[in-house]
């Protein structure tokens, strides 16, 4: 990834983190299987498509990739083709569904909502 791409990705994640950190999330809900989160989800300048087979495709700006997931203790642990790893938690209530994802290497948090 070129320096410009890295800076864009970092800026996008920082903006997403700043905006999302201010919002109050509904309560956490355990994820029983990948069907619970299957479909397209979107966040600040990003979207992800989760599949029922435990794989996903992500797009942030002009960058994209794929990844795999596993479920443990009601949370999803993901590994991206870019080498990043992290944990995702489903929050549901008050008519909202939010996936909160934290990347282990950077500590950045991204919140995704079902795409319209």
PDB file of N, CA and C in Angstrom:
ATOM      1  N   UNK A   1       0.856  -1.171   0.000  1.00  0.00           N
ATOM      2  CA  UNK A   1       0.000   0.000   0.000  1.00  0.00           C
ATOM      3  C   UNK A   1       0.900   1.230   0.000  1.00  0.00           C
ATOM      4  N   UNK A   2       0.627   2.174  -0.843  1.00  0.00           N
ATOM      5  CA  UNK A   2       1.413   3.394  -0.919  1.00  0.00           C
ATOM      6  C   UNK A   2       1.150   4.267   0.303  1.00  0.00           C
ATOM      7  N   UNK A   3       2.065   5.205   0.541  1.00  0.00           N
ATOM      8  CA  UNK A   3       1.937   6.100   1.691  1.00  0.00           C
ATOM      9  C   UNK A   3       0.623   6.857   1.668  1.00  0.00           C
ATOM     10  N   UNK A   4       0.219   7.341   0.494  1.00  0.00           N
ATOM     11  CA  UNK A   4      -1.043   8.073   0.383  1.00  0.00           C
ATOM     12  C   UNK A   4      -2.209   7.202   0.822  1.00  0.00           C
ATOM     13  N   UNK A   5      -2.216   5.928   0.392  1.00  0.00           N
ATOM     14  CA  UNK A   5      -3.277   4.998   0.780  1.00  0.00           C
ATOM     15  C   UNK A   5      -3.286   4.752   2.275  1.00  0.00           C
ATOM     16  N   UNK A   6      -2.103   4.626   2.849  1.00  0.00           N
ATOM     17  CA  UNK A   6      -2.014   4.403   4.300  1.00  0.00           C
ATOM     18  C   UNK A   6      -2.526   5.604   5.075  1.00  0.00           C
ATOM     19  N   UNK A   7      -2.165   6.801   4.621  1.00  0.00           N
ATOM     20  CA  UNK A   7      -2.639   8.012   5.302  1.00  0.00           C
ATOM     21  C   UNK A   7      -4.153   8.124   5.202  1.00  0.00           C
ATOM     22  N   UNK A   8      -4.719   7.806   4.019  1.00  0.00           N
ATOM     23  CA  UNK A   8      -6.173   7.853   3.860  1.00  0.00           C
ATOM     24  C   UNK A   8      -6.835   6.856   4.800  1.00  0.00           C
ATOM     25  N   UNK A   9      -6.305   5.634   4.860  1.00  0.00           N
ATOM     26  CA  UNK A   9      -6.869   4.617   5.730  1.00  0.00           C
ATOM     27  C   UNK A   9      -6.793   5.053   7.188  1.00  0.00           C
ATOM     28  N   UNK A  10      -5.647   5.577   7.602  1.00  0.00           N
ATOM     29  CA  UNK A  10      -5.480   6.032   8.974  1.00  0.00           C
ATOM     30  C   UNK A  10      -6.443   7.169   9.298  1.00  0.00           C
ATOM     31  N   UNK A  11      -6.582   8.130   8.380  1.00  0.00           N
ATOM     32  CA  UNK A  11      -7.503   9.251   8.585  1.00  0.00           C
ATOM     33  C   UNK A  11      -8.932   8.757   8.675  1.00  0.00           C
ATOM     34  N   UNK A  12      -9.312   7.838   7.789  1.00  0.00           N
ATOM     35  CA  UNK A  12     -10.671   7.290   7.804  1.00  0.00           C
ATOM     36  C   UNK A  12     -10.960   6.597   9.128  1.00  0.00           C
ATOM     37  N   UNK A  13     -10.019   5.798   9.585  1.00  0.00           N
ATOM     38  CA  UNK A  13     -10.227   5.089  10.840  1.00  0.00           C
ATOM     39  C   UNK A  13     -10.276   6.040  12.027  1.00  0.00           C
ATOM     40  N   UNK A  14      -9.423   7.065  12.025  1.00  0.00           N
ATOM     41  CA  UNK A  14      -9.449   8.046  13.115  1.00  0.00           C
ATOM     42  C   UNK A  14     -10.765   8.805  13.154  1.00  0.00           C
ATOM     43  N   UNK A  15     -11.265   9.221  11.991  1.00  0.00           N
ATOM     44  CA  UNK A  15     -12.551   9.922  11.937  1.00  0.00           C
ATOM     45  C   UNK A  15     -13.655   8.996  12.420  1.00  0.00           C
ATOM     46  N   UNK A  16     -13.649   7.755  11.936  1.00  0.00           N
ATOM     47  CA  UNK A  16     -14.660   6.792  12.377  1.00  0.00           C
ATOM     48  C   UNK A  16     -14.598   6.564  13.871  1.00  0.00           C
ATOM     49  N   UNK A  17     -13.386   6.462  14.409  1.00  0.00           N
ATOM     50  CA  UNK A  17     -13.209   6.260  15.838  1.00  0.00           C
ATOM     51  C   UNK A  17     -13.735   7.454  16.617  1.00  0.00           C
ATOM     52  N   UNK A  18     -13.399   8.656  16.203  1.00  0.00           N
ATOM     53  CA  UNK A  18     -13.812   9.875  16.903  1.00  0.00           C
ATOM     54  C   UNK A  18     -15.322  10.023  16.903  1.00  0.00           C
ATOM     55  N   UNK A  19     -15.943   9.825  15.755  1.00  0.00           N
ATOM     56  CA  UNK A  19     -17.397   9.964  15.659  1.00  0.00           C
ATOM     57  C   UNK A  19     -18.093   8.874  16.457  1.00  0.00           C
ATOM     58  N   UNK A  20     -17.623   7.620  16.288  1.00  0.00           N
ATOM     59  CA  UNK A  20     -18.295   6.503  16.922  1.00  0.00           C
ATOM     60  C   UNK A  20     -18.090   6.474  18.431  1.00  0.00           C
ATOM     61  N   UNK A  21     -16.977   7.002  18.904  1.00  0.00           N
ATOM     62  CA  UNK A  21     -16.704   6.979  20.340  1.00  0.00           C
ATOM     63  C   UNK A  21     -17.702   7.827  21.119  1.00  0.00           C
ATOM     64  N   UNK A  22     -18.346   8.765  20.445  1.00  0.00           N
ATOM     65  CA  UNK A  22     -19.299   9.657  21.117  1.00  0.00           C
ATOM     66  C   UNK A  22     -20.691   9.042  21.244  1.00  0.00           C
ATOM     67  N   UNK A  23     -20.995   8.045  20.456  1.00  0.00           N
ATOM     68  CA  UNK A  23     -22.336   7.464  20.438  1.00  0.00           C
ATOM     69  C   UNK A  23     -22.487   6.430  21.547  1.00  0.00           C
ATOM     70  N   UNK A  24     -23.690   6.332  22.103  1.00  0.00           N
ATOM     71  CA  UNK A  24     -24.004   5.319  23.094  1.00  0.00           C
ATOM     72  C   UNK A  24     -24.521   4.090  22.369  1.00  0.00           C
ATOM     73  N   UNK A  25     -23.956   2.949  22.674  1.00  0.00           N
ATOM     74  CA  UNK A  25     -24.350   1.709  22.009  1.00  0.00           C
ATOM     75  C   UNK A  25     -25.454   0.999  22.766  1.00  0.00           C
ATOM     76  N   UNK A  26     -26.310   0.280  22.030  1.00  0.00           N
ATOM     77  CA  UNK A  26     -27.264  -0.601  22.702  1.00  0.00           C
ATOM     78  C   UNK A  26     -26.489  -1.719  23.410  1.00  0.00           C
ATOM     79  N   UNK A  27     -27.166  -2.540  24.212  1.00  0.00           N
ATOM     80  CA  UNK A  27     -26.473  -3.620  24.923  1.00  0.00           C
ATOM     81  C   UNK A  27     -25.864  -4.646  23.963  1.00  0.00           C
ATOM     82  N   UNK A  28     -24.786  -5.291  24.411  1.00  0.00           N
ATOM     83  CA  UNK A  28     -24.151  -6.348  23.629  1.00  0.00           C
ATOM     84  C   UNK A  28     -25.070  -7.566  23.558  1.00  0.00           C
ATOM     85  N   UNK A  29     -25.050  -8.234  22.405  1.00  0.00           N
ATOM     86  CA  UNK A  29     -25.843  -9.450  22.197  1.00  0.00           C
ATOM     87  C   UNK A  29     -24.907 -10.525  21.662  1.00  0.00           C
ATOM     88  N   UNK A  30     -24.888 -11.707  22.284  1.00  0.00           N
ATOM     89  CA  UNK A  30     -24.006 -12.766  21.801  1.00  0.00           C
ATOM     90  C   UNK A  30     -24.336 -13.158  20.359  1.00  0.00           C
ATOM     91  N   UNK A  31     -23.299 -13.446  19.586  1.00  0.00           N
ATOM     92  CA  UNK A  31     -23.463 -13.920  18.210  1.00  0.00           C
ATOM     93  C   UNK A  31     -23.395 -15.438  18.250  1.00  0.00           C
ATOM     94  N   UNK A  32     -24.462 -16.102  17.813  1.00  0.00           N
ATOM     95  CA  UNK A  32     -24.525 -17.559  17.860  1.00  0.00           C
ATOM     96  C   UNK A  32     -23.922 -18.198  16.612  1.00  0.00           C
ATOM     97  N   UNK A  33     -24.127 -17.555  15.456  1.00  0.00           N
ATOM     98  CA  UNK A  33     -23.601 -18.084  14.205  1.00  0.00           C
ATOM     99  C   UNK A  33     -23.419 -16.929  13.225  1.00  0.00           C
ATOM    100  N   UNK A  34     -22.745 -17.182  12.118  1.00  0.00           N
ATOM    101  CA  UNK A  34     -22.456 -16.112  11.169  1.00  0.00           C
ATOM    102  C   UNK A  34     -23.704 -15.569  10.490  1.00  0.00           C
ATOM    103  N   UNK A  35     -24.763 -16.357  10.468  1.00  0.00           N
ATOM    104  CA  UNK A  35     -26.031 -15.887   9.892  1.00  0.00           C
ATOM    105  C   UNK A  35     -26.560 -14.680  10.667  1.00  0.00           C
ATOM    106  N   UNK A  36     -26.215 -14.569  11.956  1.00  0.00           N
ATOM    107  CA  UNK A  36     -26.658 -13.437  12.787  1.00  0.00           C
ATOM    108  C   UNK A  36     -26.160 -12.087  12.258  1.00  0.00           C
ATOM    109  N   UNK A  37     -25.032 -12.096  11.528  1.00  0.00           N
ATOM    110  CA  UNK A  37     -24.472 -10.837  11.028  1.00  0.00           C
ATOM    111  C   UNK A  37     -24.318 -10.820   9.501  1.00  0.00           C
ATOM    112  N   UNK A  38     -24.770 -11.873   8.817  1.00  0.00           N
ATOM    113  CA  UNK A  38     -24.609 -11.963   7.363  1.00  0.00           C
ATOM    114  C   UNK A  38     -25.279 -10.783   6.664  1.00  0.00           C
ATOM    115  N   UNK A  39     -24.622 -10.260   5.634  1.00  0.00           N
ATOM    116  CA  UNK A  39     -25.154  -9.149   4.860  1.00  0.00           C
ATOM    117  C   UNK A  39     -24.167  -8.006   4.797  1.00  0.00           C
ATOM    118  N   UNK A  40     -24.609  -6.906   4.200  1.00  0.00           N
ATOM    119  CA  UNK A  40     -23.753  -5.721   4.049  1.00  0.00           C
ATOM    120  C   UNK A  40     -23.930  -4.785   5.243  1.00  0.00           C
ATOM    121  N   UNK A  41     -22.802  -4.288   5.738  1.00  0.00           N
ATOM    122  CA  UNK A  41     -22.752  -3.348   6.849  1.00  0.00           C
ATOM    123  C   UNK A  41     -21.911  -2.165   6.406  1.00  0.00           C
ATOM    124  N   UNK A  42     -22.219  -0.965   6.930  1.00  0.00           N
ATOM    125  CA  UNK A  42     -21.480   0.222   6.517  1.00  0.00           C
ATOM    126  C   UNK A  42     -21.092   1.076   7.715  1.00  0.00           C
ATOM    127  N   UNK A  43     -20.013   1.831   7.515  1.00  0.00           N
ATOM    128  CA  UNK A  43     -19.527   2.765   8.516  1.00  0.00           C
ATOM    129  C   UNK A  43     -19.003   3.990   7.805  1.00  0.00           C
ATOM    130  N   UNK A  44     -18.192   4.772   8.481  1.00  0.00           N
ATOM    131  CA  UNK A  44     -17.619   5.979   7.901  1.00  0.00           C
ATOM    132  C   UNK A  44     -16.668   5.600   6.765  1.00  0.00           C
ATOM    133  N   UNK A  45     -17.040   5.917   5.533  1.00  0.00           N
ATOM    134  CA  UNK A  45     -16.227   5.653   4.340  1.00  0.00           C
ATOM    135  C   UNK A  45     -15.863   4.183   4.157  1.00  0.00           C
ATOM    136  N   UNK A  46     -16.649   3.281   4.714  1.00  0.00           N
ATOM    137  CA  UNK A  46     -16.320   1.861   4.624  1.00  0.00           C
ATOM    138  C   UNK A  46     -17.586   1.022   4.546  1.00  0.00           C
ATOM    139  N   UNK A  47     -17.446  -0.158   3.954  1.00  0.00           N
ATOM    140  CA  UNK A  47     -18.506  -1.148   4.061  1.00  0.00           C
ATOM    141  C   UNK A  47     -17.905  -2.535   4.049  1.00  0.00           C
ATOM    142  N   UNK A  48     -18.635  -3.459   4.662  1.00  0.00           N
ATOM    143  CA  UNK A  48     -18.192  -4.841   4.788  1.00  0.00           C
ATOM    144  C   UNK A  48     -19.366  -5.737   4.445  1.00  0.00           C
ATOM    145  N   UNK A  49     -19.080  -6.826   3.743  1.00  0.00           N
ATOM    146  CA  UNK A  49     -20.111  -7.840   3.497  1.00  0.00           C
ATOM    147  C   UNK A  49     -19.692  -9.111   4.210  1.00  0.00           C
ATOM    148  N   UNK A  50     -20.492  -9.500   5.209  1.00  0.00           N
ATOM    149  CA  UNK A  50     -20.248 -10.725   5.972  1.00  0.00           C
ATOM    150  C   UNK A  50     -21.062 -11.851   5.361  1.00  0.00           C
ATOM    151  N   UNK A  51     -20.450 -13.018   5.217  1.00  0.00           N
ATOM    152  CA  UNK A  51     -21.131 -14.170   4.626  1.00  0.00           C
ATOM    153  C   UNK A  51     -21.376 -15.224   5.694  1.00  0.00           C
ATOM    154  N   UNK A  52     -22.414 -16.022   5.487  1.00  0.00           N
ATOM    155  CA  UNK A  52     -22.807 -17.044   6.460  1.00  0.00           C
ATOM    156  C   UNK A  52     -21.763 -18.149   6.601  1.00  0.00           C
ATOM    157  N   UNK A  53     -20.795 -18.225   5.665  1.00  0.00           N
ATOM    158  CA  UNK A  53     -19.751 -19.258   5.749  1.00  0.00           C
ATOM    159  C   UNK A  53     -18.542 -18.818   6.579  1.00  0.00           C
ATOM    160  N   UNK A  54     -18.597 -17.617   7.173  1.00  0.00           N
ATOM    161  CA  UNK A  54     -17.506 -17.149   8.020  1.00  0.00           C
ATOM    162  C   UNK A  54     -16.426 -16.382   7.283  1.00  0.00           C
ATOM    163  N   UNK A  55     -16.719 -15.928   6.074  1.00  0.00           N
ATOM    164  CA  UNK A  55     -15.782 -15.088   5.332  1.00  0.00           C
ATOM    165  C   UNK A  55     -16.381 -13.700   5.171  1.00  0.00           C
ATOM    166  N   UNK A  56     -15.543 -12.736   4.793  1.00  0.00           N
ATOM    167  CA  UNK A  56     -16.042 -11.384   4.571  1.00  0.00           C
ATOM    168  C   UNK A  56     -15.177 -10.662   3.549  1.00  0.00           C
ATOM    169  N   UNK A  57     -15.754  -9.607   2.974  1.00  0.00           N
ATOM    170  CA  UNK A  57     -15.065  -8.714   2.050  1.00  0.00           C
ATOM    171  C   UNK A  57     -15.227  -7.307   2.589  1.00  0.00           C
ATOM    172  N   UNK A  58     -14.133  -6.519   2.609  1.00  0.00           N
ATOM    173  CA  UNK A  58     -14.204  -5.152   3.133  1.00  0.00           C
ATOM    174  C   UNK A  58     -13.705  -4.161   2.095  1.00  0.00           C
ATOM    175  N   UNK A  59     -14.242  -2.940   2.187  1.00  0.00           N
ATOM    176  CA  UNK A  59     -13.841  -1.825   1.337  1.00  0.00           C
ATOM    177  C   UNK A  59     -13.723  -0.575   2.204  1.00  0.00           C
ATOM    178  N   UNK A  60     -12.554   0.056   2.182  1.00  0.00           N
ATOM    179  CA  UNK A  60     -12.346   1.329   2.865  1.00  0.00           C
ATOM    180  C   UNK A  60     -11.684   2.243   1.844  1.00  0.00           C
ATOM    181  N   UNK A  61     -12.406   3.258   1.413  1.00  0.00           N
ATOM    182  CA  UNK A  61     -11.878   4.136   0.367  1.00  0.00           C
ATOM    183  C   UNK A  61     -11.597   3.334  -0.885  1.00  0.00           C
ATOM    184  N   UNK A  62     -10.370   3.392  -1.370  1.00  0.00           N
ATOM    185  CA  UNK A  62      -9.969   2.630  -2.561  1.00  0.00           C
ATOM    186  C   UNK A  62      -9.324   1.302  -2.205  1.00  0.00           C
ATOM    187  N   UNK A  63      -9.228   0.986  -0.947  1.00  0.00           N
ATOM    188  CA  UNK A  63      -8.611  -0.259  -0.497  1.00  0.00           C
ATOM    189  C   UNK A  63      -9.680  -1.309  -0.218  1.00  0.00           C
ATOM    190  N   UNK A  64      -9.329  -2.563  -0.460  1.00  0.00           N
ATOM    191  CA  UNK A  64     -10.269  -3.646  -0.200  1.00  0.00           C
ATOM    192  C   UNK A  64      -9.504  -4.904   0.165  1.00  0.00           C
ATOM    193  N   UNK A  65     -10.225  -5.876   0.668  1.00  0.00           N
ATOM    194  CA  UNK A  65      -9.610  -7.149   1.021  1.00  0.00           C
ATOM    195  C   UNK A  65     -10.664  -8.144   1.455  1.00  0.00           C
ATOM    196  N   UNK A  66     -10.205  -9.273   1.877  1.00  0.00           N
ATOM    197  CA  UNK A  66     -11.082 -10.339   2.344  1.00  0.00           C
ATOM    198  C   UNK A  66     -10.598 -10.790   3.714  1.00  0.00           C
ATOM    199  N   UNK A  67     -11.351 -11.666   4.326  1.00  0.00           N
ATOM    200  CA  UNK A  67     -10.939 -12.180   5.617  1.00  0.00           C
ATOM    201  C   UNK A  67     -11.780 -13.356   6.056  1.00  0.00           C
ATOM    202  N   UNK A  68     -11.391 -13.924   7.182  1.00  0.00           N
ATOM    203  CA  UNK A  68     -12.115 -15.036   7.775  1.00  0.00           C
ATOM    204  C   UNK A  68     -12.471 -14.681   9.216  1.00  0.00           C
ATOM    205  N   UNK A  69     -13.476 -15.379   9.737  1.00  0.00           N
ATOM    206  CA  UNK A  69     -13.950 -15.113  11.095  1.00  0.00           C
ATOM    207  C   UNK A  69     -14.134 -16.429  11.846  1.00  0.00           C
ATOM    208  N   UNK A  70     -14.110 -16.321  13.166  1.00  0.00           N
ATOM    209  CA  UNK A  70     -14.493 -17.434  14.032  1.00  0.00           C
ATOM    210  C   UNK A  70     -15.297 -16.858  15.191  1.00  0.00           C
ATOM    211  N   UNK A  71     -16.195 -17.646  15.741  1.00  0.00           N
ATOM    212  CA  UNK A  71     -17.022 -17.205  16.864  1.00  0.00           C
ATOM    213  C   UNK A  71     -16.524 -17.897  18.127  1.00  0.00           C
ATOM    214  N   UNK A  72     -16.367 -17.095  19.178  1.00  0.00           N
ATOM    215  CA  UNK A  72     -15.951 -17.635  20.457  1.00  0.00           C
ATOM    216  C   UNK A  72     -16.574 -16.784  21.555  1.00  0.00           C
ATOM    217  N   UNK A  73     -17.314 -17.410  22.446  1.00  0.00           N
ATOM    218  CA  UNK A  73     -17.919 -16.688  23.561  1.00  0.00           C
ATOM    219  C   UNK A  73     -18.905 -15.612  23.141  1.00  0.00           C
ATOM    220  N   UNK A  74     -19.548 -15.779  21.981  1.00  0.00           N
ATOM    221  CA  UNK A  74     -20.536 -14.812  21.516  1.00  0.00           C
ATOM    222  C   UNK A  74     -19.961 -13.635  20.759  1.00  0.00           C
ATOM    223  N   UNK A  75     -18.632 -13.566  20.629  1.00  0.00           N
ATOM    224  CA  UNK A  75     -17.972 -12.513  19.868  1.00  0.00           C
ATOM    225  C   UNK A  75     -17.343 -13.112  18.615  1.00  0.00           C
ATOM    226  N   UNK A  76     -17.082 -12.263  17.625  1.00  0.00           N
ATOM    227  CA  UNK A  76     -16.431 -12.686  16.392  1.00  0.00           C
ATOM    228  C   UNK A  76     -14.981 -12.221  16.422  1.00  0.00           C
ATOM    229  N   UNK A  77     -14.086 -13.127  16.122  1.00  0.00           N
ATOM    230  CA  UNK A  77     -12.672 -12.804  15.986  1.00  0.00           C
ATOM    231  C   UNK A  77     -12.341 -12.900  14.505  1.00  0.00           C
ATOM    232  N   UNK A  78     -11.739 -11.833  13.958  1.00  0.00           N
ATOM    233  CA  UNK A  78     -11.515 -11.777  12.518  1.00  0.00           C
ATOM    234  C   UNK A  78     -10.031 -11.679  12.186  1.00  0.00           C
ATOM    235  N   UNK A  79      -9.717 -12.140  10.983  1.00  0.00           N
ATOM    236  CA  UNK A  79      -8.362 -12.044  10.446  1.00  0.00           C
ATOM    237  C   UNK A  79      -8.488 -11.597   8.997  1.00  0.00           C
ATOM    238  N   UNK A  80      -7.918 -10.446   8.677  1.00  0.00           N
ATOM    239  CA  UNK A  80      -8.010  -9.864   7.338  1.00  0.00           C
ATOM    240  C   UNK A  80      -6.854 -10.327   6.452  1.00  0.00           C
ATOM    241  N   UNK A  81      -7.097 -10.314   5.150  1.00  0.00           N
ATOM    242  CA  UNK A  81      -6.039 -10.648   4.189  1.00  0.00           C
ATOM    243  C   UNK A  81      -4.877  -9.660   4.280  1.00  0.00           C
ATOM    244  N   UNK A  82      -5.099  -8.501   4.874  1.00  0.00           N
ATOM    245  CA  UNK A  82      -4.035  -7.504   5.042  1.00  0.00           C
ATOM    246  C   UNK A  82      -3.119  -7.839   6.221  1.00  0.00           C
ATOM    247  N   UNK A  83      -3.471  -8.881   6.988  1.00  0.00           N
ATOM    248  CA  UNK A  83      -2.666  -9.271   8.137  1.00  0.00           C
ATOM    249  C   UNK A  83      -3.191  -8.758   9.463  1.00  0.00           C
ATOM    250  N   UNK A  84      -4.176  -7.882   9.429  1.00  0.00           N
ATOM    251  CA  UNK A  84      -4.766  -7.344  10.660  1.00  0.00           C
ATOM    252  C   UNK A  84      -5.679  -8.384  11.308  1.00  0.00           C
ATOM    253  N   UNK A  85      -5.796  -8.289  12.626  1.00  0.00           N
ATOM    254  CA  UNK A  85      -6.683  -9.174  13.391  1.00  0.00           C
ATOM    255  C   UNK A  85      -7.438  -8.325  14.404  1.00  0.00           C
ATOM    256  N   UNK A  86      -8.608  -8.839  14.825  1.00  0.00           N
ATOM    257  CA  UNK A  86      -9.360  -8.098  15.811  1.00  0.00           C
ATOM    258  C   UNK A  86     -10.568  -8.850  16.311  1.00  0.00           C
ATOM    259  N   UNK A  87     -11.396  -8.111  17.024  1.00  0.00           N
ATOM    260  CA  UNK A  87     -12.581  -8.676  17.673  1.00  0.00           C
ATOM    261  C   UNK A  87     -13.781  -7.788  17.360  1.00  0.00           C
ATOM    262  N   UNK A  88     -14.924  -8.425  17.157  1.00  0.00           N
ATOM    263  CA  UNK A  88     -16.159  -7.699  16.849  1.00  0.00           C
ATOM    264  C   UNK A  88     -17.259  -8.146  17.807  1.00  0.00           C
ATOM    265  N   UNK A  89     -18.045  -7.163  18.255  1.00  0.00           N
ATOM    266  CA  UNK A  89     -19.160  -7.426  19.164  1.00  0.00           C
ATOM    267  C   UNK A  89     -20.432  -6.854  18.553  1.00  0.00           C
ATOM    268  N   UNK A  90     -21.522  -7.616  18.622  1.00  0.00           N
ATOM    269  CA  UNK A  90     -22.824  -7.160  18.135  1.00  0.00           C
ATOM    270  C   UNK A  90     -23.556  -6.463  19.280  1.00  0.00           C
ATOM    271  N   UNK A  91     -24.087  -5.287  18.992  1.00  0.00           N
ATOM    272  CA  UNK A  91     -24.906  -4.539  19.954  1.00  0.00           C
ATOM    273  C   UNK A  91     -26.275  -4.365  19.318  1.00  0.00           C
ATOM    274  N   UNK A  92     -27.329  -4.691  20.092  1.00  0.00           N
ATOM    275  CA  UNK A  92     -28.671  -4.643  19.514  1.00  0.00           C
ATOM    276  C   UNK A  92     -29.677  -4.174  20.556  1.00  0.00           C
ATOM    277  N   UNK A  93     -30.549  -3.268  20.137  1.00  0.00           N
ATOM    278  CA  UNK A  93     -31.589  -2.751  21.010  1.00  0.00           C
ATOM    279  C   UNK A  93     -32.015  -1.375  20.556  1.00  0.00           C
ATOM    280  N   UNK A  94     -33.134  -0.921  21.074  1.00  0.00           N
ATOM    281  CA  UNK A  94     -33.651   0.406  20.741  1.00  0.00           C
ATOM    282  C   UNK A  94     -33.807   0.585  19.228  1.00  0.00           C
ATOM    283  N   UNK A  95     -34.130  -0.514  18.527  1.00  0.00           N
ATOM    284  CA  UNK A  95     -34.314  -0.459  17.078  1.00  0.00           C
ATOM    285  C   UNK A  95     -33.019  -0.323  16.293  1.00  0.00           C
ATOM    286  N   UNK A  96     -31.876  -0.563  16.945  1.00  0.00           N
ATOM    287  CA  UNK A  96     -30.580  -0.423  16.266  1.00  0.00           C
ATOM    288  C   UNK A  96     -29.763  -1.699  16.373  1.00  0.00           C
ATOM    289  N   UNK A  97     -28.952  -1.946  15.345  1.00  0.00           N
ATOM    290  CA  UNK A  97     -27.957  -3.018  15.339  1.00  0.00           C
ATOM    291  C   UNK A  97     -26.620  -2.381  14.987  1.00  0.00           C
ATOM    292  N   UNK A  98     -25.612  -2.642  15.804  1.00  0.00           N
ATOM    293  CA  UNK A  98     -24.286  -2.063  15.581  1.00  0.00           C
ATOM    294  C   UNK A  98     -23.234  -3.148  15.819  1.00  0.00           C
ATOM    295  N   UNK A  99     -22.314  -3.286  14.876  1.00  0.00           N
ATOM    296  CA  UNK A  99     -21.147  -4.141  15.072  1.00  0.00           C
ATOM    297  C   UNK A  99     -19.981  -3.237  15.439  1.00  0.00           C
ATOM    298  N   UNK A 100     -19.391  -3.467  16.590  1.00  0.00           N
ATOM    299  CA  UNK A 100     -18.238  -2.689  17.036  1.00  0.00           C
ATOM    300  C   UNK A 100     -17.003  -3.570  16.864  1.00  0.00           C
ATOM    301  N   UNK A 101     -16.065  -3.077  16.064  1.00  0.00           N
ATOM    302  CA  UNK A 101     -14.861  -3.843  15.754  1.00  0.00           C
ATOM    303  C   UNK A 101     -13.634  -3.109  16.269  1.00  0.00           C
ATOM    304  N   UNK A 102     -12.741  -3.859  16.906  1.00  0.00           N
ATOM    305  CA  UNK A 102     -11.486  -3.309  17.408  1.00  0.00           C
ATOM    306  C   UNK A 102     -10.341  -4.085  16.767  1.00  0.00           C
ATOM    307  N   UNK A 103      -9.414  -3.376  16.122  1.00  0.00           N
ATOM    308  CA  UNK A 103      -8.227  -3.994  15.530  1.00  0.00           C
ATOM    309  C   UNK A 103      -7.145  -4.114  16.599  1.00  0.00           C
ATOM    310  N   UNK A 104      -6.603  -5.314  16.775  1.00  0.00           N
ATOM    311  CA  UNK A 104      -5.591  -5.525  17.816  1.00  0.00           C
ATOM    312  C   UNK A 104      -4.328  -4.698  17.601  1.00  0.00           C
ATOM    313  N   UNK A 105      -3.831  -4.641  16.376  1.00  0.00           N
ATOM    314  CA  UNK A 105      -2.557  -3.985  16.108  1.00  0.00           C
ATOM    315  C   UNK A 105      -2.596  -2.477  16.335  1.00  0.00           C
ATOM    316  N   UNK A 106      -3.720  -1.866  16.020  1.00  0.00           N
ATOM    317  CA  UNK A 106      -3.809  -0.404  16.097  1.00  0.00           C
ATOM    318  C   UNK A 106      -4.675   0.104  17.240  1.00  0.00           C
ATOM    319  N   UNK A 107      -5.588  -0.732  17.725  1.00  0.00           N
ATOM    320  CA  UNK A 107      -6.517  -0.299  18.756  1.00  0.00           C
ATOM    321  C   UNK A 107      -7.677   0.522  18.215  1.00  0.00           C
ATOM    322  N   UNK A 108      -7.706   0.737  16.892  1.00  0.00           N
ATOM    323  CA  UNK A 108      -8.787   1.523  16.301  1.00  0.00           C
ATOM    324  C   UNK A 108     -10.111   0.789  16.419  1.00  0.00           C
ATOM    325  N   UNK A 109     -11.144   1.550  16.704  1.00  0.00           N
ATOM    326  CA  UNK A 109     -12.492   1.020  16.819  1.00  0.00           C
ATOM    327  C   UNK A 109     -13.340   1.564  15.683  1.00  0.00           C
ATOM    328  N   UNK A 110     -14.092   0.670  15.055  1.00  0.00           N
ATOM    329  CA  UNK A 110     -15.004   1.062  13.974  1.00  0.00           C
ATOM    330  C   UNK A 110     -16.374   0.505  14.299  1.00  0.00           C
ATOM    331  N   UNK A 111     -17.401   1.315  14.103  1.00  0.00           N
ATOM    332  CA  UNK A 111     -18.770   0.848  14.282  1.00  0.00           C
ATOM    333  C   UNK A 111     -19.438   0.756  12.928  1.00  0.00           C
ATOM    334  N   UNK A 112     -20.085  -0.387  12.682  1.00  0.00           N
ATOM    335  CA  UNK A 112     -20.787  -0.645  11.430  1.00  0.00           C
ATOM    336  C   UNK A 112     -22.267  -0.827  11.713  1.00  0.00           C
ATOM    337  N   UNK A 113     -23.075  -0.340  10.792  1.00  0.00           N
ATOM    338  CA  UNK A 113     -24.532  -0.494  10.885  1.00  0.00           C
ATOM    339  C   UNK A 113     -25.014  -1.213   9.630  1.00  0.00           C
ATOM    340  N   UNK A 114     -26.131  -1.951   9.698  1.00  0.00           N
ATOM    341  CA  UNK A 114     -26.628  -2.617   8.492  1.00  0.00           C
ATOM    342  C   UNK A 114     -26.812  -1.610   7.357  1.00  0.00           C
ATOM    343  N   UNK A 115     -26.336  -1.976   6.162  1.00  0.00           N
ATOM    344  CA  UNK A 115     -26.464  -1.093   4.990  1.00  0.00           C
ATOM    345  C   UNK A 115     -27.916  -1.006   4.576  1.00  0.00           C
ATOM    346  N   UNK A 116     -28.281   0.154   4.059  1.00  0.00           N
ATOM    347  CA  UNK A 116     -29.661   0.367   3.626  1.00  0.00           C
ATOM    348  C   UNK A 116     -29.824   0.002   2.183  1.00  0.00           C
TER     349      UNK A 116
END
